[in-house]
Each structure stands twice: as structure tokens, then as C-alpha cells.
Amino acid sequence: MPITPQELIANLGDLPPLPQVATQLLRLTADPDASAEDLRRVISTDQALTGQILKIANSAMFGMVREVTTLTQAIMTLGFSTIKSVVIASSAKNLYHRGTVGLQERLIWEHALVAAIASRAFAKTLRFPRVEEAFIGGLLHDIGKSVMGVKFPERYSALLRTVYNERGDGLALELDTFGFDHAMVGEALVQKWNLAPSLQQAARWHHDPIHAQEDHLPLAAIVALANRLALEQKAGIGDPIHLESASLQAMDILHLGPEALESHQEAVRAAIEQDKTMIAEF
């Protein structure tokens, strides 16, 4: 009897939970009474994360005239929402990069980061109110691939090579090989991390957004569009042609015609170009 995604997650003893700093930060950023000093106190316990935030606050993306030299300045520069995105991105990178980091792992991480930036840009141009949630949804949409790579290193690496060399449909190959796919595994992990149901739905249904729960259809659709655009930008493993159905579903959910979609995509491509500094810092 094949193992279920939930059983897979439960049996991954070597896979860490969402880091404590990330858990604390998510709690703080959801608290309307939290202050910059509260954030500073938590972030300062993680030296690597502190350095990451200072780098991004000083990046060309934010165009600061004066150098940001303290964590408090960085928090004020970036804002609570962006800080949350950076913390989740830092935590996600550690998971995406578990084990040996080769070409496949780097391509999957680059795809996740570009999809996150694209999701946030789509959210802005489509006036979706939860912009940073869209960033996190894009960032975590393929986290199931990392889990499968940790659990089945040889078999999953061979599958990714097939997709990379032959441009096959990775989702179909996963189902044929394992009986489940990375979207199912990703949902189970995001659920284990106690992240928002909308993020669980985005992880589960970014290849078939029409099946997301009604309240979470727009986010799933945005992540689906970002997923394809990231592959079109040559970030990741796979042929965007296999995401055509997901894109059509997303267009239907978001009430977008081809011309409107192209207009939004132009804005998203510009955002990816502008955020290249952020991509480099990660």
C-alpha cells in the first residue's frame, strides 16, 4: 500500500520544523500591537538572518541614500510585511538546500524565489489585498519537491534529470513513480508548519487552481500564473507548456483575457528584473 503524503511528512525525522525564529516572527507580525523593538529582539537571536535582512535593506531594490547599519533601521526600512517574507524565505532556503546542493537544488530554489517575486507582483497589479501572503505562497509552492528529494534522493534526482533533459511533465512522472506528487507533499508540510489554509491550498493546487477552496481560489490562481511565468523566465526545471491548463484555469478564476494577462505579465517581468538584487542576496 503506497505511503500517503501525510505519512511521508510524519516519517521525515531528519526534516526540521519551521525554525523557532520564523515561528516567533510570524506570531509577532500577526499582532497589531507588536513593535519594531519586538521584531528586533527576536531577529537579533539569529546572526545569519540579521545579516540577510541588513543586506536586503541596503540593496538597490530599496534605493536607500544612506547605508542601513542597524537592525532597527532595517526593520523600519523594509516594514513588517517584507520582514515576514524575508524570514520565511530564509527558513525556506534552508529546507530547499538540505543535503547535497547541486544544480537541481539550485534550480528549484531559484524557481521558488522567482515565483515568489512574481506572485507578489501579480498580487500588486491585480489588486489582491494580501501581497506578502502571495510572496510566501509562491515561495513555498514547490517545497514538496525538496521533501521528496530528501526522502528519495536517488529516485527523485533521476526523475528531475528526466524532466530537465526530456522536458517531461514532472507532476505526471511523480504520480506514476510515487503514487503522489510534490503538490500533495507540499500541502502536508505547510499544514504541519501551521501556516494559513490559503498557503496550504496554494501549495496543493498550483497546478489545478480551479480545485482550491472557494475562499482561496485567487491566491492559488496567482501562484499558478507565477509558477508558469518563472519557468518562462528560465528559472527552474520543466517546460512551461505543461502548465498551460493551470494558466487557463487561473485566467478564468481571475477574469483575465489574453490581452489583460499580457499587460499584467509585463509588470511582473519588470518586477522580477527590479528584484534581481534580492535574488542575488539569497
C-alpha atoms as a PDB file:
ATOM      1  CA  MET A   1       0.000   0.000   0.000  1.00  0.00           C
ATOM      2  CA  PRO A   2       1.573   3.335  -1.030  1.00  0.00           C
ATOM      3  CA  ILE A   3       2.519   5.831   1.667  1.00  0.00           C
ATOM      4  CA  THR A   4       0.372   8.975   1.895  1.00  0.00           C
ATOM      5  CA  PRO A   5       1.895  12.496   1.796  1.00  0.00           C
ATOM      6  CA  GLN A   6       0.886  12.973   5.449  1.00  0.00           C
ATOM      7  CA  GLU A   7       2.656   9.744   6.429  1.00  0.00           C
ATOM      8  CA  LEU A   8       5.679  10.840   4.428  1.00  0.00           C
ATOM      9  CA  ILE A   9       5.857  14.134   6.334  1.00  0.00           C
ATOM     10  CA  ALA A  10       5.313  12.363   9.675  1.00  0.00           C
ATOM     11  CA  ASN A  11       8.157   9.928   8.933  1.00  0.00           C
ATOM     12  CA  LEU A  12      10.695  12.584   7.919  1.00  0.00           C
ATOM     13  CA  GLY A  13      12.524  12.625  11.227  1.00  0.00           C
ATOM     14  CA  ASP A  14      15.532  14.411   9.701  1.00  0.00           C
ATOM     15  CA  LEU A  15      13.409  17.269   8.359  1.00  0.00           C
ATOM     16  CA  PRO A  16      13.200  20.222  10.763  1.00  0.00           C
ATOM     17  CA  PRO A  17      10.020  22.054  11.670  1.00  0.00           C
ATOM     18  CA  LEU A  18       9.621  25.707  10.792  1.00  0.00           C
ATOM     19  CA  PRO A  19      12.536  27.337  12.642  1.00  0.00           C
ATOM     20  CA  GLN A  20      11.758  28.877  16.024  1.00  0.00           C
ATOM     21  CA  VAL A  21      12.728  32.378  14.908  1.00  0.00           C
ATOM     22  CA  ALA A  22      10.342  32.143  11.944  1.00  0.00           C
ATOM     23  CA  THR A  23       7.549  30.873  14.190  1.00  0.00           C
ATOM     24  CA  GLN A  24       8.067  33.738  16.635  1.00  0.00           C
ATOM     25  CA  LEU A  25       8.239  36.323  13.842  1.00  0.00           C
ATOM     26  CA  LEU A  26       5.038  35.079  12.214  1.00  0.00           C
ATOM     27  CA  ARG A  27       3.298  35.374  15.576  1.00  0.00           C
ATOM     28  CA  LEU A  28       4.636  38.897  16.089  1.00  0.00           C
ATOM     29  CA  THR A  29       3.782  40.173  12.615  1.00  0.00           C
ATOM     30  CA  ALA A  30       0.195  38.987  13.148  1.00  0.00           C
ATOM     31  CA  ASP A  31      -0.007  41.009  16.386  1.00  0.00           C
ATOM     32  CA  PRO A  32      -1.222  44.587  15.746  1.00  0.00           C
ATOM     33  CA  ASP A  33       0.448  45.710  18.982  1.00  0.00           C
ATOM     34  CA  ALA A  34       3.902  44.364  18.065  1.00  0.00           C
ATOM     35  CA  SER A  35       6.628  46.994  17.786  1.00  0.00           C
ATOM     36  CA  ALA A  36       9.840  47.276  15.777  1.00  0.00           C
ATOM     37  CA  GLU A  37      11.708  46.617  19.022  1.00  0.00           C
ATOM     38  CA  ASP A  38       9.794  43.329  19.471  1.00  0.00           C
ATOM     39  CA  LEU A  39      10.897  42.270  15.986  1.00  0.00           C
ATOM     40  CA  ARG A  40      14.472  43.394  16.573  1.00  0.00           C
ATOM     41  CA  ARG A  41      14.727  41.379  19.779  1.00  0.00           C
ATOM     42  CA  VAL A  42      13.639  38.141  18.060  1.00  0.00           C
ATOM     43  CA  ILE A  43      15.628  38.613  14.841  1.00  0.00           C
ATOM     44  CA  SER A  44      18.838  39.515  16.683  1.00  0.00           C
ATOM     45  CA  THR A  45      18.994  35.994  18.129  1.00  0.00           C
ATOM     46  CA  ASP A  46      19.790  34.711  14.608  1.00  0.00           C
ATOM     47  CA  GLN A  47      23.053  36.172  13.312  1.00  0.00           C
ATOM     48  CA  ALA A  48      22.684  34.842   9.766  1.00  0.00           C
ATOM     49  CA  LEU A  49      19.139  36.177   9.466  1.00  0.00           C
ATOM     50  CA  THR A  50      20.230  39.565  10.809  1.00  0.00           C
ATOM     51  CA  GLY A  51      22.907  39.782   8.124  1.00  0.00           C
ATOM     52  CA  GLN A  52      20.422  38.753   5.437  1.00  0.00           C
ATOM     53  CA  ILE A  53      17.967  41.476   6.446  1.00  0.00           C
ATOM     54  CA  LEU A  54      20.675  44.154   6.545  1.00  0.00           C
ATOM     55  CA  LYS A  55      21.864  43.130   3.054  1.00  0.00           C
ATOM     56  CA  ILE A  56      18.361  43.346   1.604  1.00  0.00           C
ATOM     57  CA  ALA A  57      17.627  46.663   3.340  1.00  0.00           C
ATOM     58  CA  ASN A  58      20.765  48.060   1.686  1.00  0.00           C
ATOM     59  CA  SER A  59      20.048  46.539  -1.725  1.00  0.00           C
ATOM     60  CA  ALA A  60      19.350  48.555  -4.836  1.00  0.00           C
ATOM     61  CA  MET A  61      15.756  47.353  -4.631  1.00  0.00           C
ATOM     62  CA  PHE A  62      15.086  49.867  -1.849  1.00  0.00           C
ATOM     63  CA  GLY A  63      17.272  52.672  -3.212  1.00  0.00           C
ATOM     64  CA  MET A  64      18.449  53.968   0.157  1.00  0.00           C
ATOM     65  CA  VAL A  65      20.605  57.112   0.086  1.00  0.00           C
ATOM     66  CA  ARG A  66      22.165  56.355   3.476  1.00  0.00           C
ATOM     67  CA  GLU A  67      23.529  52.988   4.484  1.00  0.00           C
ATOM     68  CA  VAL A  68      21.315  50.955   6.810  1.00  0.00           C
ATOM     69  CA  THR A  69      23.611  49.859   9.624  1.00  0.00           C
ATOM     70  CA  THR A  70      21.313  48.668  12.414  1.00  0.00           C
ATOM     71  CA  LEU A  71      18.592  46.064  12.616  1.00  0.00           C
ATOM     72  CA  THR A  72      16.087  48.651  13.838  1.00  0.00           C
ATOM     73  CA  GLN A  73      16.769  50.814  10.760  1.00  0.00           C
ATOM     74  CA  ALA A  74      16.370  47.751   8.531  1.00  0.00           C
ATOM     75  CA  ILE A  75      13.016  46.866  10.083  1.00  0.00           C
ATOM     76  CA  MET A  76      11.752  50.424   9.593  1.00  0.00           C
ATOM     77  CA  THR A  77      13.047  50.447   6.012  1.00  0.00           C
ATOM     78  CA  LEU A  78      11.540  47.128   4.971  1.00  0.00           C
ATOM     79  CA  GLY A  79       8.338  47.132   7.028  1.00  0.00           C
ATOM     80  CA  PHE A  80       6.705  44.267   8.893  1.00  0.00           C
ATOM     81  CA  SER A  81       5.286  42.529   5.815  1.00  0.00           C
ATOM     82  CA  THR A  82       8.582  42.411   3.941  1.00  0.00           C
ATOM     83  CA  ILE A  83      10.409  41.306   7.094  1.00  0.00           C
ATOM     84  CA  LYS A  84       7.990  38.382   7.325  1.00  0.00           C
ATOM     85  CA  SER A  85       8.719  37.469   3.696  1.00  0.00           C
ATOM     86  CA  VAL A  86      12.487  37.600   4.270  1.00  0.00           C
ATOM     87  CA  VAL A  87      12.247  35.408   7.372  1.00  0.00           C
ATOM     88  CA  ILE A  88      10.119  32.812   5.585  1.00  0.00           C
ATOM     89  CA  ALA A  89      12.459  32.951   2.565  1.00  0.00           C
ATOM     90  CA  SER A  90      15.496  32.397   4.773  1.00  0.00           C
ATOM     91  CA  SER A  91      13.802  29.464   6.501  1.00  0.00           C
ATOM     92  CA  ALA A  92      12.613  28.018   3.197  1.00  0.00           C
ATOM     93  CA  LYS A  93      16.084  28.257   1.680  1.00  0.00           C
ATOM     94  CA  ASN A  94      17.460  26.097   4.482  1.00  0.00           C
ATOM     95  CA  LEU A  95      14.879  23.450   3.663  1.00  0.00           C
ATOM     96  CA  TYR A  96      15.291  23.698  -0.117  1.00  0.00           C
ATOM     97  CA  HIS A  97      19.050  23.316   0.369  1.00  0.00           C
ATOM     98  CA  ARG A  98      19.055  20.382   2.768  1.00  0.00           C
ATOM     99  CA  GLY A  99      21.518  17.655   1.839  1.00  0.00           C
ATOM    100  CA  THR A 100      23.842  17.998  -1.131  1.00  0.00           C
ATOM    101  CA  VAL A 101      23.261  21.229  -3.027  1.00  0.00           C
ATOM    102  CA  GLY A 102      23.780  20.566  -6.717  1.00  0.00           C
ATOM    103  CA  LEU A 103      22.400  22.009  -9.925  1.00  0.00           C
ATOM    104  CA  GLN A 104      18.925  20.561  -9.371  1.00  0.00           C
ATOM    105  CA  GLU A 105      18.619  22.003  -5.872  1.00  0.00           C
ATOM    106  CA  ARG A 106      19.846  25.409  -7.012  1.00  0.00           C
ATOM    107  CA  LEU A 107      17.376  25.453  -9.912  1.00  0.00           C
ATOM    108  CA  ILE A 108      14.457  24.504  -7.655  1.00  0.00           C
ATOM    109  CA  TRP A 109      15.400  27.245  -5.155  1.00  0.00           C
ATOM    110  CA  GLU A 110      15.837  29.853  -7.891  1.00  0.00           C
ATOM    111  CA  HIS A 111      12.435  28.894  -9.284  1.00  0.00           C
ATOM    112  CA  ALA A 112      10.835  29.235  -5.835  1.00  0.00           C
ATOM    113  CA  LEU A 113      12.321  32.695  -5.310  1.00  0.00           C
ATOM    114  CA  VAL A 114      11.410  33.997  -8.780  1.00  0.00           C
ATOM    115  CA  ALA A 115       7.888  32.556  -8.403  1.00  0.00           C
ATOM    116  CA  ALA A 116       7.611  34.329  -5.040  1.00  0.00           C
ATOM    117  CA  ILE A 117       8.601  37.676  -6.551  1.00  0.00           C
ATOM    118  CA  ALA A 118       6.250  37.060  -9.486  1.00  0.00           C
ATOM    119  CA  SER A 119       3.381  36.137  -7.141  1.00  0.00           C
ATOM    120  CA  ARG A 120       3.853  39.337  -5.174  1.00  0.00           C
ATOM    121  CA  ALA A 121       3.986  41.379  -8.394  1.00  0.00           C
ATOM    122  CA  PHE A 122       0.843  39.703  -9.766  1.00  0.00           C
ATOM    123  CA  ALA A 123      -0.888  40.404  -6.433  1.00  0.00           C
ATOM    124  CA  LYS A 124       0.002  44.092  -6.680  1.00  0.00           C
ATOM    125  CA  THR A 125      -1.042  44.552 -10.286  1.00  0.00           C
ATOM    126  CA  LEU A 126      -4.259  42.546  -9.738  1.00  0.00           C
ATOM    127  CA  ARG A 127      -5.014  44.478  -6.517  1.00  0.00           C
ATOM    128  CA  PHE A 128      -5.038  41.312  -4.429  1.00  0.00           C
ATOM    129  CA  PRO A 129      -5.007  42.679  -0.846  1.00  0.00           C
ATOM    130  CA  ARG A 130      -2.595  40.178   0.775  1.00  0.00           C
ATOM    131  CA  VAL A 131       0.548  40.918  -1.214  1.00  0.00           C
ATOM    132  CA  GLU A 132       3.110  39.360   1.138  1.00  0.00           C
ATOM    133  CA  GLU A 133       0.938  36.260   1.512  1.00  0.00           C
ATOM    134  CA  ALA A 134       1.205  35.892  -2.249  1.00  0.00           C
ATOM    135  CA  PHE A 135       5.005  36.117  -1.925  1.00  0.00           C
ATOM    136  CA  ILE A 136       5.035  33.311   0.650  1.00  0.00           C
ATOM    137  CA  GLY A 137       2.620  31.244  -1.446  1.00  0.00           C
ATOM    138  CA  GLY A 138       4.952  31.493  -4.418  1.00  0.00           C
ATOM    139  CA  LEU A 139       7.965  30.732  -2.268  1.00  0.00           C
ATOM    140  CA  LEU A 140       6.502  27.555  -0.792  1.00  0.00           C
ATOM    141  CA  HIS A 141       4.565  26.212  -3.772  1.00  0.00           C
ATOM    142  CA  ASP A 142       7.259  23.659  -4.683  1.00  0.00           C
ATOM    143  CA  ILE A 143       8.516  22.882  -1.176  1.00  0.00           C
ATOM    144  CA  GLY A 144       7.234  19.322  -1.659  1.00  0.00           C
ATOM    145  CA  LYS A 145       9.983  18.789  -4.246  1.00  0.00           C
ATOM    146  CA  SER A 146      12.616  19.396  -1.593  1.00  0.00           C
ATOM    147  CA  VAL A 147      10.920  16.959   0.775  1.00  0.00           C
ATOM    148  CA  MET A 148      10.821  14.271  -1.895  1.00  0.00           C
ATOM    149  CA  GLY A 149      14.455  14.958  -2.744  1.00  0.00           C
ATOM    150  CA  VAL A 150      15.438  14.419   0.908  1.00  0.00           C
ATOM    151  CA  LYS A 151      13.337  11.268   1.315  1.00  0.00           C
ATOM    152  CA  PHE A 152      14.073   9.665  -2.063  1.00  0.00           C
ATOM    153  CA  PRO A 153      17.395  11.228  -3.182  1.00  0.00           C
ATOM    154  CA  GLU A 154      18.299   8.799  -5.965  1.00  0.00           C
ATOM    155  CA  ARG A 155      14.844   8.156  -7.397  1.00  0.00           C
ATOM    156  CA  TYR A 156      13.758  11.776  -7.258  1.00  0.00           C
ATOM    157  CA  SER A 157      17.033  13.040  -8.676  1.00  0.00           C
ATOM    158  CA  ALA A 158      16.635  10.636 -11.607  1.00  0.00           C
ATOM    159  CA  LEU A 159      13.082  11.896 -12.135  1.00  0.00           C
ATOM    160  CA  LEU A 160      14.251  15.522 -12.178  1.00  0.00           C
ATOM    161  CA  ARG A 161      17.000  14.639 -14.674  1.00  0.00           C
ATOM    162  CA  THR A 162      14.336  13.162 -16.940  1.00  0.00           C
ATOM    163  CA  VAL A 163      12.283  16.344 -16.700  1.00  0.00           C
ATOM    164  CA  TYR A 164      15.363  18.521 -17.241  1.00  0.00           C
ATOM    165  CA  ASN A 165      16.693  16.579 -20.242  1.00  0.00           C
ATOM    166  CA  GLU A 166      13.493  15.429 -21.901  1.00  0.00           C
ATOM    167  CA  ARG A 167      11.152  18.233 -20.804  1.00  0.00           C
ATOM    168  CA  GLY A 168       8.640  15.690 -19.487  1.00  0.00           C
ATOM    169  CA  ASP A 169       5.689  16.503 -17.246  1.00  0.00           C
ATOM    170  CA  GLY A 170       7.175  16.288 -13.751  1.00  0.00           C
ATOM    171  CA  LEU A 171       3.835  16.116 -11.953  1.00  0.00           C
ATOM    172  CA  ALA A 172       2.673  13.140 -14.016  1.00  0.00           C
ATOM    173  CA  LEU A 173       6.024  11.389 -13.529  1.00  0.00           C
ATOM    174  CA  GLU A 174       5.792  11.903  -9.753  1.00  0.00           C
ATOM    175  CA  LEU A 175       2.338  10.363  -9.645  1.00  0.00           C
ATOM    176  CA  ASP A 176       3.467   7.408 -11.753  1.00  0.00           C
ATOM    177  CA  THR A 177       6.629   6.860  -9.706  1.00  0.00           C
ATOM    178  CA  PHE A 178       5.483   7.515  -6.134  1.00  0.00           C
ATOM    179  CA  GLY A 179       1.683   7.492  -6.147  1.00  0.00           C
ATOM    180  CA  PHE A 180       1.609  11.141  -5.044  1.00  0.00           C
ATOM    181  CA  ASP A 181       3.138  14.405  -6.249  1.00  0.00           C
ATOM    182  CA  HIS A 182       5.053  17.347  -4.808  1.00  0.00           C
ATOM    183  CA  ALA A 183       1.889  19.443  -4.540  1.00  0.00           C
ATOM    184  CA  MET A 184       0.317  16.910  -2.166  1.00  0.00           C
ATOM    185  CA  VAL A 185       3.517  16.679  -0.124  1.00  0.00           C
ATOM    186  CA  GLY A 186       3.882  20.455  -0.047  1.00  0.00           C
ATOM    187  CA  GLU A 187       0.372  20.864   1.318  1.00  0.00           C
ATOM    188  CA  ALA A 188       1.102  18.321   4.060  1.00  0.00           C
ATOM    189  CA  LEU A 189       4.288  20.129   5.115  1.00  0.00           C
ATOM    190  CA  VAL A 190       2.735  23.617   5.101  1.00  0.00           C
ATOM    191  CA  GLN A 191      -0.109  22.166   7.147  1.00  0.00           C
ATOM    192  CA  LYS A 192       2.403  20.693   9.601  1.00  0.00           C
ATOM    193  CA  TRP A 193       4.004  24.130   9.914  1.00  0.00           C
ATOM    194  CA  ASN A 194       0.583  25.532  10.903  1.00  0.00           C
ATOM    195  CA  LEU A 195       0.687  28.152   8.155  1.00  0.00           C
ATOM    196  CA  ALA A 196      -2.506  29.706   6.812  1.00  0.00           C
ATOM    197  CA  PRO A 197      -5.043  27.493   4.998  1.00  0.00           C
ATOM    198  CA  SER A 198      -4.669  29.747   1.953  1.00  0.00           C
ATOM    199  CA  LEU A 199      -0.965  28.802   1.750  1.00  0.00           C
ATOM    200  CA  GLN A 200      -1.830  25.124   2.135  1.00  0.00           C
ATOM    201  CA  GLN A 201      -4.277  25.448  -0.754  1.00  0.00           C
ATOM    202  CA  ALA A 202      -1.751  27.286  -2.931  1.00  0.00           C
ATOM    203  CA  ALA A 203       0.816  24.532  -2.356  1.00  0.00           C
ATOM    204  CA  ARG A 204      -1.742  21.830  -3.134  1.00  0.00           C
ATOM    205  CA  TRP A 205      -3.474  23.335  -6.154  1.00  0.00           C
ATOM    206  CA  HIS A 206      -0.947  25.487  -8.036  1.00  0.00           C
ATOM    207  CA  HIS A 207      -1.189  23.005 -10.936  1.00  0.00           C
ATOM    208  CA  ASP A 208      -5.017  22.881 -10.780  1.00  0.00           C
ATOM    209  CA  PRO A 209      -6.151  26.125  -9.106  1.00  0.00           C
ATOM    210  CA  ILE A 210      -9.794  25.581 -10.022  1.00  0.00           C
ATOM    211  CA  HIS A 211      -9.941  22.873  -7.317  1.00  0.00           C
ATOM    212  CA  ALA A 212      -8.861  25.166  -4.467  1.00  0.00           C
ATOM    213  CA  GLN A 213     -11.425  26.014  -1.805  1.00  0.00           C
ATOM    214  CA  GLU A 214     -13.549  28.954  -2.906  1.00  0.00           C
ATOM    215  CA  ASP A 215     -12.078  31.435  -0.421  1.00  0.00           C
ATOM    216  CA  HIS A 216      -8.572  30.608  -1.603  1.00  0.00           C
ATOM    217  CA  LEU A 217      -9.121  30.485  -5.373  1.00  0.00           C
ATOM    218  CA  PRO A 218      -7.479  33.880  -6.111  1.00  0.00           C
ATOM    219  CA  LEU A 219      -4.232  33.055  -4.296  1.00  0.00           C
ATOM    220  CA  ALA A 220      -3.995  29.614  -5.917  1.00  0.00           C
ATOM    221  CA  ALA A 221      -4.581  31.259  -9.303  1.00  0.00           C
ATOM    222  CA  ILE A 222      -1.917  33.921  -8.708  1.00  0.00           C
ATOM    223  CA  VAL A 223       0.644  31.293  -7.702  1.00  0.00           C
ATOM    224  CA  ALA A 224      -0.263  29.209 -10.764  1.00  0.00           C
ATOM    225  CA  LEU A 225       0.411  32.173 -13.071  1.00  0.00           C
ATOM    226  CA  ALA A 226       3.655  32.969 -11.250  1.00  0.00           C
ATOM    227  CA  ASN A 227       4.773  29.347 -11.473  1.00  0.00           C
ATOM    228  CA  ARG A 228       4.463  29.343 -15.238  1.00  0.00           C
ATOM    229  CA  LEU A 229       5.998  32.782 -15.709  1.00  0.00           C
ATOM    230  CA  ALA A 230       9.023  31.749 -13.631  1.00  0.00           C
ATOM    231  CA  LEU A 231       9.621  28.786 -15.951  1.00  0.00           C
ATOM    232  CA  GLU A 232       9.170  31.059 -18.975  1.00  0.00           C
ATOM    233  CA  GLN A 233      11.916  33.225 -17.447  1.00  0.00           C
ATOM    234  CA  LYS A 234      14.170  30.102 -17.448  1.00  0.00           C
ATOM    235  CA  ALA A 235      14.081  29.809 -13.658  1.00  0.00           C
ATOM    236  CA  GLY A 236      13.546  26.196 -12.650  1.00  0.00           C
ATOM    237  CA  ILE A 237      13.200  22.727 -14.123  1.00  0.00           C
ATOM    238  CA  GLY A 238      10.424  21.939 -16.592  1.00  0.00           C
ATOM    239  CA  ASP A 239       8.649  23.108 -19.703  1.00  0.00           C
ATOM    240  CA  PRO A 240       6.000  25.825 -19.154  1.00  0.00           C
ATOM    241  CA  ILE A 241       3.839  24.165 -21.821  1.00  0.00           C
ATOM    242  CA  HIS A 242       2.811  21.613 -19.175  1.00  0.00           C
ATOM    243  CA  LEU A 243       1.313  24.466 -17.126  1.00  0.00           C
ATOM    244  CA  GLU A 244      -0.998  25.708 -19.860  1.00  0.00           C
ATOM    245  CA  SER A 245      -4.093  24.157 -18.272  1.00  0.00           C
ATOM    246  CA  ALA A 246      -3.226  25.702 -14.883  1.00  0.00           C
ATOM    247  CA  SER A 247      -2.804  29.113 -16.535  1.00  0.00           C
ATOM    248  CA  LEU A 248      -6.150  28.875 -18.322  1.00  0.00           C
ATOM    249  CA  GLN A 249      -7.848  27.937 -15.056  1.00  0.00           C
ATOM    250  CA  ALA A 250      -6.139  30.868 -13.311  1.00  0.00           C
ATOM    251  CA  MET A 251      -7.244  33.281 -16.033  1.00  0.00           C
ATOM    252  CA  ASP A 252     -10.808  32.079 -15.615  1.00  0.00           C
ATOM    253  CA  ILE A 253     -10.680  32.480 -11.810  1.00  0.00           C
ATOM    254  CA  LEU A 254      -9.208  35.981 -12.068  1.00  0.00           C
ATOM    255  CA  HIS A 255     -11.424  37.001 -15.032  1.00  0.00           C
ATOM    256  CA  LEU A 256      -8.467  37.762 -17.266  1.00  0.00           C
ATOM    257  CA  GLY A 257      -8.449  37.690 -21.046  1.00  0.00           C
ATOM    258  CA  PRO A 258      -5.220  37.145 -23.030  1.00  0.00           C
ATOM    259  CA  GLU A 259      -4.565  40.871 -23.526  1.00  0.00           C
ATOM    260  CA  ALA A 260      -5.153  41.698 -19.868  1.00  0.00           C
ATOM    261  CA  LEU A 261      -2.900  38.832 -18.803  1.00  0.00           C
ATOM    262  CA  GLU A 262      -0.107  40.044 -21.069  1.00  0.00           C
ATOM    263  CA  SER A 263      -0.386  43.523 -19.590  1.00  0.00           C
ATOM    264  CA  HIS A 264      -0.067  42.130 -16.064  1.00  0.00           C
ATOM    265  CA  GLN A 265       2.805  39.880 -17.128  1.00  0.00           C
ATOM    266  CA  GLU A 266       4.749  42.886 -18.421  1.00  0.00           C
ATOM    267  CA  ALA A 267       4.515  44.477 -14.974  1.00  0.00           C
ATOM    268  CA  VAL A 268       5.573  41.206 -13.340  1.00  0.00           C
ATOM    269  CA  ARG A 269       8.596  40.772 -15.610  1.00  0.00           C
ATOM    270  CA  ALA A 270       9.643  44.320 -14.750  1.00  0.00           C
ATOM    271  CA  ALA A 271       9.330  43.494 -11.034  1.00  0.00           C
ATOM    272  CA  ILE A 272      11.495  40.394 -11.442  1.00  0.00           C
ATOM    273  CA  GLU A 273      14.124  42.485 -13.222  1.00  0.00           C
ATOM    274  CA  GLN A 274      13.991  45.102 -10.461  1.00  0.00           C
ATOM    275  CA  ASP A 275      14.258  42.463  -7.725  1.00  0.00           C
ATOM    276  CA  LYS A 276      17.342  40.773  -9.191  1.00  0.00           C
ATOM    277  CA  THR A 277      19.320  42.151  -6.253  1.00  0.00           C
ATOM    278  CA  MET A 278      17.099  40.289  -3.828  1.00  0.00           C
ATOM    279  CA  ILE A 279      17.514  37.092  -5.832  1.00  0.00           C
ATOM    280  CA  ALA A 280      21.298  37.540  -5.728  1.00  0.00           C
ATOM    281  CA  GLU A 281      21.278  38.113  -1.952  1.00  0.00           C
ATOM    282  CA  PHE A 282      19.630  34.739  -1.418  1.00  0.00           C
END
